[in-house]
Amino acid sequence: MPFEYFKPCEELKPYIHSYWTLKGTNGAYEVFYPDTCVDIVVNMGDRFATSQQNIVLEPQTAYLGGALTEAIYEKVS
């Protein structure tokens, strides 16, 4: 599954821990573990409905996600 982390430039490191990208392939599952981070999610792909939380992420839209309290198993396609 193409899930990648990237570190920010030196100027942004005090404010941003990391960037990440996720590209779905063939309906595989990805596990998101609690990491104490708040995420800003920008959906640059198609409309996406989360399977566990029943949330729809519209294309070209940004979302603020709180820190996870439990692992989430998400089907990415």
PDB file of N, CA and C in Angstrom:
ATOM      1  N   MET A   1       0.850  -1.177   0.000  1.00  0.00           N
ATOM      2  CA  MET A   1       0.000   0.000   0.000  1.00  0.00           C
ATOM      3  C   MET A   1       0.892   1.235   0.000  1.00  0.00           C
ATOM      4  N   PRO A   2       0.685   2.141  -0.928  1.00  0.00           N
ATOM      5  CA  PRO A   2       1.508   3.347  -0.984  1.00  0.00           C
ATOM      6  C   PRO A   2       1.151   4.343   0.133  1.00  0.00           C
ATOM      7  N   PHE A   3       1.718   4.147   1.306  1.00  0.00           N
ATOM      8  CA  PHE A   3       1.553   5.047   2.449  1.00  0.00           C
ATOM      9  C   PHE A   3       2.940   5.558   2.785  1.00  0.00           C
ATOM     10  N   GLU A   4       3.151   6.872   2.664  1.00  0.00           N
ATOM     11  CA  GLU A   4       4.489   7.415   2.856  1.00  0.00           C
ATOM     12  C   GLU A   4       4.483   8.607   3.799  1.00  0.00           C
ATOM     13  N   TYR A   5       5.508   8.688   4.639  1.00  0.00           N
ATOM     14  CA  TYR A   5       5.727   9.833   5.521  1.00  0.00           C
ATOM     15  C   TYR A   5       6.834  10.702   4.948  1.00  0.00           C
ATOM     16  N   PHE A   6       6.701  12.019   5.147  1.00  0.00           N
ATOM     17  CA  PHE A   6       7.714  12.978   4.726  1.00  0.00           C
ATOM     18  C   PHE A   6       7.946  13.967   5.860  1.00  0.00           C
ATOM     19  N   LYS A   7       9.183  14.334   6.082  1.00  0.00           N
ATOM     20  CA  LYS A   7       9.521  15.342   7.086  1.00  0.00           C
ATOM     21  C   LYS A   7       9.437  16.735   6.454  1.00  0.00           C
ATOM     22  N   PRO A   8       9.007  17.738   7.227  1.00  0.00           N
ATOM     23  CA  PRO A   8       8.937  19.102   6.690  1.00  0.00           C
ATOM     24  C   PRO A   8      10.326  19.743   6.602  1.00  0.00           C
ATOM     25  N   CYS A   9      10.399  20.863   5.926  1.00  0.00           N
ATOM     26  CA  CYS A   9      11.656  21.607   5.856  1.00  0.00           C
ATOM     27  C   CYS A   9      11.996  22.150   7.250  1.00  0.00           C
ATOM     28  N   GLU A  10      13.220  22.574   7.447  1.00  0.00           N
ATOM     29  CA  GLU A  10      13.700  23.036   8.757  1.00  0.00           C
ATOM     30  C   GLU A  10      12.834  24.155   9.330  1.00  0.00           C
ATOM     31  N   GLU A  11      12.382  25.075   8.491  1.00  0.00           N
ATOM     32  CA  GLU A  11      11.589  26.211   8.965  1.00  0.00           C
ATOM     33  C   GLU A  11      10.241  25.784   9.539  1.00  0.00           C
ATOM     34  N   LEU A  12       9.686  24.672   9.058  1.00  0.00           N
ATOM     35  CA  LEU A  12       8.371  24.215   9.520  1.00  0.00           C
ATOM     36  C   LEU A  12       8.433  23.155  10.611  1.00  0.00           C
ATOM     37  N   LYS A  13       9.600  22.594  10.884  1.00  0.00           N
ATOM     38  CA  LYS A  13       9.717  21.520  11.884  1.00  0.00           C
ATOM     39  C   LYS A  13       9.188  21.889  13.273  1.00  0.00           C
ATOM     40  N   PRO A  14       9.280  23.141  13.721  1.00  0.00           N
ATOM     41  CA  PRO A  14       8.701  23.456  15.029  1.00  0.00           C
ATOM     42  C   PRO A  14       7.171  23.339  15.059  1.00  0.00           C
ATOM     43  N   TYR A  15       6.533  23.341  13.892  1.00  0.00           N
ATOM     44  CA  TYR A  15       5.074  23.362  13.815  1.00  0.00           C
ATOM     45  C   TYR A  15       4.463  22.097  13.227  1.00  0.00           C
ATOM     46  N   ILE A  16       5.214  21.391  12.402  1.00  0.00           N
ATOM     47  CA  ILE A  16       4.685  20.224  11.683  1.00  0.00           C
ATOM     48  C   ILE A  16       5.589  19.024  11.940  1.00  0.00           C
ATOM     49  N   HIS A  17       5.013  17.941  12.444  1.00  0.00           N
ATOM     50  CA  HIS A  17       5.789  16.720  12.699  1.00  0.00           C
ATOM     51  C   HIS A  17       6.122  16.011  11.397  1.00  0.00           C
ATOM     52  N   SER A  18       5.105  15.827  10.541  1.00  0.00           N
ATOM     53  CA  SER A  18       5.323  15.136   9.271  1.00  0.00           C
ATOM     54  C   SER A  18       4.136  15.350   8.346  1.00  0.00           C
ATOM     55  N   TYR A  19       4.379  15.066   7.088  1.00  0.00           N
ATOM     56  CA  TYR A  19       3.331  14.989   6.071  1.00  0.00           C
ATOM     57  C   TYR A  19       3.194  13.518   5.719  1.00  0.00           C
ATOM     58  N   TRP A  20       2.016  13.121   5.266  1.00  0.00           N
ATOM     59  CA  TRP A  20       1.895  11.752   4.783  1.00  0.00           C
ATOM     60  C   TRP A  20       0.936  11.705   3.616  1.00  0.00           C
ATOM     61  N   THR A  21       1.147  10.724   2.769  1.00  0.00           N
ATOM     62  CA  THR A  21       0.257  10.488   1.636  1.00  0.00           C
ATOM     63  C   THR A  21      -0.203   9.044   1.673  1.00  0.00           C
ATOM     64  N   LEU A  22      -1.393   8.835   1.158  1.00  0.00           N
ATOM     65  CA  LEU A  22      -1.964   7.492   1.075  1.00  0.00           C
ATOM     66  C   LEU A  22      -2.692   7.381  -0.248  1.00  0.00           C
ATOM     67  N   LYS A  23      -2.338   6.380  -1.027  1.00  0.00           N
ATOM     68  CA  LYS A  23      -2.995   6.132  -2.310  1.00  0.00           C
ATOM     69  C   LYS A  23      -3.578   4.740  -2.275  1.00  0.00           C
ATOM     70  N   GLY A  24      -4.872   4.648  -2.495  1.00  0.00           N
ATOM     71  CA  GLY A  24      -5.557   3.364  -2.415  1.00  0.00           C
ATOM     72  C   GLY A  24      -5.279   2.466  -3.602  1.00  0.00           C
ATOM     73  N   THR A  25      -5.247   1.157  -3.309  1.00  0.00           N
ATOM     74  CA  THR A  25      -5.072   0.168  -4.363  1.00  0.00           C
ATOM     75  C   THR A  25      -5.880  -1.078  -4.043  1.00  0.00           C
ATOM     76  N   ASN A  26      -6.741  -1.462  -4.927  1.00  0.00           N
ATOM     77  CA  ASN A  26      -7.447  -2.749  -4.873  1.00  0.00           C
ATOM     78  C   ASN A  26      -8.177  -3.048  -3.565  1.00  0.00           C
ATOM     79  N   GLY A  27      -8.679  -2.040  -2.889  1.00  0.00           N
ATOM     80  CA  GLY A  27      -9.482  -2.276  -1.695  1.00  0.00           C
ATOM     81  C   GLY A  27      -8.733  -2.848  -0.513  1.00  0.00           C
ATOM     82  N   ALA A  28      -7.421  -2.652  -0.464  1.00  0.00           N
ATOM     83  CA  ALA A  28      -6.633  -3.149   0.669  1.00  0.00           C
ATOM     84  C   ALA A  28      -6.957  -2.330   1.920  1.00  0.00           C
ATOM     85  N   TYR A  29      -6.651  -2.892   3.090  1.00  0.00           N
ATOM     86  CA  TYR A  29      -6.885  -2.193   4.356  1.00  0.00           C
ATOM     87  C   TYR A  29      -5.599  -1.566   4.865  1.00  0.00           C
ATOM     88  N   GLU A  30      -5.732  -0.405   5.458  1.00  0.00           N
ATOM     89  CA  GLU A  30      -4.622   0.291   6.108  1.00  0.00           C
ATOM     90  C   GLU A  30      -5.006   0.489   7.570  1.00  0.00           C
ATOM     91  N   VAL A  31      -4.057   0.317   8.466  1.00  0.00           N
ATOM     92  CA  VAL A  31      -4.311   0.504   9.895  1.00  0.00           C
ATOM     93  C   VAL A  31      -3.707   1.837  10.318  1.00  0.00           C
ATOM     94  N   PHE A  32      -4.519   2.668  10.955  1.00  0.00           N
ATOM     95  CA  PHE A  32      -4.057   3.938  11.506  1.00  0.00           C
ATOM     96  C   PHE A  32      -4.028   3.797  13.017  1.00  0.00           C
ATOM     97  N   TYR A  33      -2.842   3.894  13.596  1.00  0.00           N
ATOM     98  CA  TYR A  33      -2.679   3.724  15.039  1.00  0.00           C
ATOM     99  C   TYR A  33      -2.687   5.084  15.733  1.00  0.00           C
ATOM    100  N   PRO A  34      -3.157   5.128  16.982  1.00  0.00           N
ATOM    101  CA  PRO A  34      -3.108   6.394  17.728  1.00  0.00           C
ATOM    102  C   PRO A  34      -1.662   6.891  17.822  1.00  0.00           C
ATOM    103  N   ASP A  35      -1.462   8.173  17.515  1.00  0.00           N
ATOM    104  CA  ASP A  35      -0.101   8.717  17.538  1.00  0.00           C
ATOM    105  C   ASP A  35      -0.015  10.065  18.253  1.00  0.00           C
ATOM    106  N   THR A  36      -1.074  10.469  18.920  1.00  0.00           N
ATOM    107  CA  THR A  36      -1.188  11.738  19.655  1.00  0.00           C
ATOM    108  C   THR A  36      -1.156  12.961  18.752  1.00  0.00           C
ATOM    109  N   CYS A  37      -1.222  12.784  17.444  1.00  0.00           N
ATOM    110  CA  CYS A  37      -1.179  13.912  16.519  1.00  0.00           C
ATOM    111  C   CYS A  37      -2.577  14.288  16.041  1.00  0.00           C
ATOM    112  N   VAL A  38      -2.754  15.563  15.777  1.00  0.00           N
ATOM    113  CA  VAL A  38      -3.951  16.054  15.113  1.00  0.00           C
ATOM    114  C   VAL A  38      -3.595  16.141  13.636  1.00  0.00           C
ATOM    115  N   ASP A  39      -4.489  15.680  12.765  1.00  0.00           N
ATOM    116  CA  ASP A  39      -4.207  15.651  11.333  1.00  0.00           C
ATOM    117  C   ASP A  39      -5.054  16.658  10.579  1.00  0.00           C
ATOM    118  N   ILE A  40      -4.443  17.285   9.584  1.00  0.00           N
ATOM    119  CA  ILE A  40      -5.183  18.041   8.584  1.00  0.00           C
ATOM    120  C   ILE A  40      -5.177  17.152   7.351  1.00  0.00           C
ATOM    121  N   VAL A  41      -6.350  16.715   6.939  1.00  0.00           N
ATOM    122  CA  VAL A  41      -6.484  15.790   5.814  1.00  0.00           C
ATOM    123  C   VAL A  41      -6.997  16.567   4.609  1.00  0.00           C
ATOM    124  N   VAL A  42      -6.292  16.466   3.503  1.00  0.00           N
ATOM    125  CA  VAL A  42      -6.724  17.083   2.253  1.00  0.00           C
ATOM    126  C   VAL A  42      -6.943  15.959   1.260  1.00  0.00           C
ATOM    127  N   ASN A  43      -8.181  15.774   0.834  1.00  0.00           N
ATOM    128  CA  ASN A  43      -8.499  14.718  -0.126  1.00  0.00           C
ATOM    129  C   ASN A  43      -8.229  15.237  -1.533  1.00  0.00           C
ATOM    130  N   MET A  44      -7.155  14.758  -2.130  1.00  0.00           N
ATOM    131  CA  MET A  44      -6.789  15.153  -3.488  1.00  0.00           C
ATOM    132  C   MET A  44      -7.260  14.134  -4.521  1.00  0.00           C
ATOM    133  N   GLY A  45      -8.011  13.138  -4.076  1.00  0.00           N
ATOM    134  CA  GLY A  45      -8.496  12.098  -4.980  1.00  0.00           C
ATOM    135  C   GLY A  45      -9.997  12.164  -5.148  1.00  0.00           C
ATOM    136  N   ASP A  46     -10.593  11.006  -5.344  1.00  0.00           N
ATOM    137  CA  ASP A  46     -12.034  10.902  -5.527  1.00  0.00           C
ATOM    138  C   ASP A  46     -12.755  10.963  -4.188  1.00  0.00           C
ATOM    139  N   ARG A  47     -14.068  11.081  -4.257  1.00  0.00           N
ATOM    140  CA  ARG A  47     -14.906  11.038  -3.058  1.00  0.00           C
ATOM    141  C   ARG A  47     -14.620   9.728  -2.328  1.00  0.00           C
ATOM    142  N   PHE A  48     -14.491   9.803  -1.003  1.00  0.00           N
ATOM    143  CA  PHE A  48     -14.071   8.648  -0.222  1.00  0.00           C
ATOM    144  C   PHE A  48     -14.924   8.552   1.031  1.00  0.00           C
ATOM    145  N   ALA A  49     -15.530   7.396   1.248  1.00  0.00           N
ATOM    146  CA  ALA A  49     -16.323   7.160   2.456  1.00  0.00           C
ATOM    147  C   ALA A  49     -15.536   6.249   3.383  1.00  0.00           C
ATOM    148  N   THR A  50     -15.304   6.697   4.607  1.00  0.00           N
ATOM    149  CA  THR A  50     -14.596   5.858   5.571  1.00  0.00           C
ATOM    150  C   THR A  50     -15.505   4.724   6.003  1.00  0.00           C
ATOM    151  N   SER A  51     -14.935   3.570   6.241  1.00  0.00           N
ATOM    152  CA  SER A  51     -15.757   2.401   6.561  1.00  0.00           C
ATOM    153  C   SER A  51     -16.102   2.306   8.037  1.00  0.00           C
ATOM    154  N   GLN A  52     -15.201   2.685   8.939  1.00  0.00           N
ATOM    155  CA  GLN A  52     -15.493   2.560  10.368  1.00  0.00           C
ATOM    156  C   GLN A  52     -16.283   3.733  10.922  1.00  0.00           C
ATOM    157  N   GLN A  53     -15.964   4.925  10.497  1.00  0.00           N
ATOM    158  CA  GLN A  53     -16.582   6.117  11.071  1.00  0.00           C
ATOM    159  C   GLN A  53     -17.745   6.647  10.238  1.00  0.00           C
ATOM    160  N   ASN A  54     -17.972   6.093   9.044  1.00  0.00           N
ATOM    161  CA  ASN A  54     -19.050   6.518   8.153  1.00  0.00           C
ATOM    162  C   ASN A  54     -18.981   8.019   7.858  1.00  0.00           C
ATOM    163  N   ILE A  55     -17.790   8.486   7.530  1.00  0.00           N
ATOM    164  CA  ILE A  55     -17.557   9.886   7.182  1.00  0.00           C
ATOM    165  C   ILE A  55     -17.189   9.939   5.706  1.00  0.00           C
ATOM    166  N   VAL A  56     -17.754  10.905   4.988  1.00  0.00           N
ATOM    167  CA  VAL A  56     -17.453  11.059   3.565  1.00  0.00           C
ATOM    168  C   VAL A  56     -16.475  12.215   3.394  1.00  0.00           C
ATOM    169  N   LEU A  57     -15.368  11.948   2.710  1.00  0.00           N
ATOM    170  CA  LEU A  57     -14.383  12.975   2.398  1.00  0.00           C
ATOM    171  C   LEU A  57     -14.551  13.373   0.937  1.00  0.00           C
ATOM    172  N   GLU A  58     -14.962  14.608   0.729  1.00  0.00           N
ATOM    173  CA  GLU A  58     -15.188  15.102  -0.626  1.00  0.00           C
ATOM    174  C   GLU A  58     -13.859  15.491  -1.276  1.00  0.00           C
ATOM    175  N   PRO A  59     -13.779  15.400  -2.612  1.00  0.00           N
ATOM    176  CA  PRO A  59     -12.546  15.771  -3.311  1.00  0.00           C
ATOM    177  C   PRO A  59     -12.215  17.252  -3.128  1.00  0.00           C
ATOM    178  N   GLN A  60     -10.933  17.558  -3.148  1.00  0.00           N
ATOM    179  CA  GLN A  60     -10.436  18.934  -3.074  1.00  0.00           C
ATOM    180  C   GLN A  60     -10.925  19.668  -1.826  1.00  0.00           C
ATOM    181  N   THR A  61     -11.067  18.942  -0.722  1.00  0.00           N
ATOM    182  CA  THR A  61     -11.569  19.507   0.529  1.00  0.00           C
ATOM    183  C   THR A  61     -10.623  19.140   1.664  1.00  0.00           C
ATOM    184  N   ALA A  62     -10.448  20.064   2.614  1.00  0.00           N
ATOM    185  CA  ALA A  62      -9.582  19.830   3.774  1.00  0.00           C
ATOM    186  C   ALA A  62     -10.429  19.546   5.009  1.00  0.00           C
ATOM    187  N   TYR A  63      -9.920  18.684   5.884  1.00  0.00           N
ATOM    188  CA  TYR A  63     -10.611  18.283   7.111  1.00  0.00           C
ATOM    189  C   TYR A  63      -9.619  18.310   8.264  1.00  0.00           C
ATOM    190  N   LEU A  64     -10.103  18.648   9.447  1.00  0.00           N
ATOM    191  CA  LEU A  64      -9.290  18.609  10.654  1.00  0.00           C
ATOM    192  C   LEU A  64      -9.703  17.393  11.455  1.00  0.00           C
ATOM    193  N   GLY A  65      -8.750  16.501  11.730  1.00  0.00           N
ATOM    194  CA  GLY A  65      -9.042  15.279  12.477  1.00  0.00           C
ATOM    195  C   GLY A  65      -8.359  15.310  13.835  1.00  0.00           C
ATOM    196  N   GLY A  66      -9.081  14.982  14.870  1.00  0.00           N
ATOM    197  CA  GLY A  66      -8.518  14.951  16.217  1.00  0.00           C
ATOM    198  C   GLY A  66      -7.607  13.754  16.415  1.00  0.00           C
ATOM    199  N   ALA A  67      -6.934  13.735  17.552  1.00  0.00           N
ATOM    200  CA  ALA A  67      -6.037  12.629  17.884  1.00  0.00           C
ATOM    201  C   ALA A  67      -6.844  11.344  18.058  1.00  0.00           C
ATOM    202  N   LEU A  68      -6.360  10.251  17.494  1.00  0.00           N
ATOM    203  CA  LEU A  68      -7.045   8.961  17.610  1.00  0.00           C
ATOM    204  C   LEU A  68      -6.910   8.405  19.019  1.00  0.00           C
ATOM    205  N   THR A  69      -7.957   7.740  19.471  1.00  0.00           N
ATOM    206  CA  THR A  69      -7.916   7.077  20.776  1.00  0.00           C
ATOM    207  C   THR A  69      -7.867   5.564  20.629  1.00  0.00           C
ATOM    208  N   GLU A  70      -8.068   5.077  19.412  1.00  0.00           N
ATOM    209  CA  GLU A  70      -7.980   3.645  19.123  1.00  0.00           C
ATOM    210  C   GLU A  70      -7.594   3.470  17.665  1.00  0.00           C
ATOM    211  N   ALA A  71      -7.102   2.293  17.319  1.00  0.00           N
ATOM    212  CA  ALA A  71      -6.708   2.018  15.934  1.00  0.00           C
ATOM    213  C   ALA A  71      -7.934   2.026  15.028  1.00  0.00           C
ATOM    214  N   ILE A  72      -7.734   2.491  13.810  1.00  0.00           N
ATOM    215  CA  ILE A  72      -8.789   2.492  12.799  1.00  0.00           C
ATOM    216  C   ILE A  72      -8.308   1.626  11.640  1.00  0.00           C
ATOM    217  N   TYR A  73      -9.138   0.711  11.204  1.00  0.00           N
ATOM    218  CA  TYR A  73      -8.848  -0.156  10.062  1.00  0.00           C
ATOM    219  C   TYR A  73      -9.683   0.355   8.907  1.00  0.00           C
ATOM    220  N   GLU A  74      -9.029   0.908   7.901  1.00  0.00           N
ATOM    221  CA  GLU A  74      -9.749   1.574   6.830  1.00  0.00           C
ATOM    222  C   GLU A  74      -9.477   0.919   5.489  1.00  0.00           C
ATOM    223  N   LYS A  75     -10.538   0.626   4.760  1.00  0.00           N
ATOM    224  CA  LYS A  75     -10.408   0.066   3.415  1.00  0.00           C
ATOM    225  C   LYS A  75     -10.150   1.213   2.451  1.00  0.00           C
ATOM    226  N   VAL A  76      -9.065   1.115   1.722  1.00  0.00           N
ATOM    227  CA  VAL A  76      -8.665   2.172   0.802  1.00  0.00           C
ATOM    228  C   VAL A  76      -8.723   1.623  -0.613  1.00  0.00           C
ATOM    229  N   SER A  77      -9.542   2.266  -1.435  1.00  0.00           N
ATOM    230  CA  SER A  77      -9.654   1.791  -2.820  1.00  0.00           C
ATOM    231  C   SER A  77      -9.618   2.939  -3.783  1.00  0.00           C
TER     232      SER A  77
END
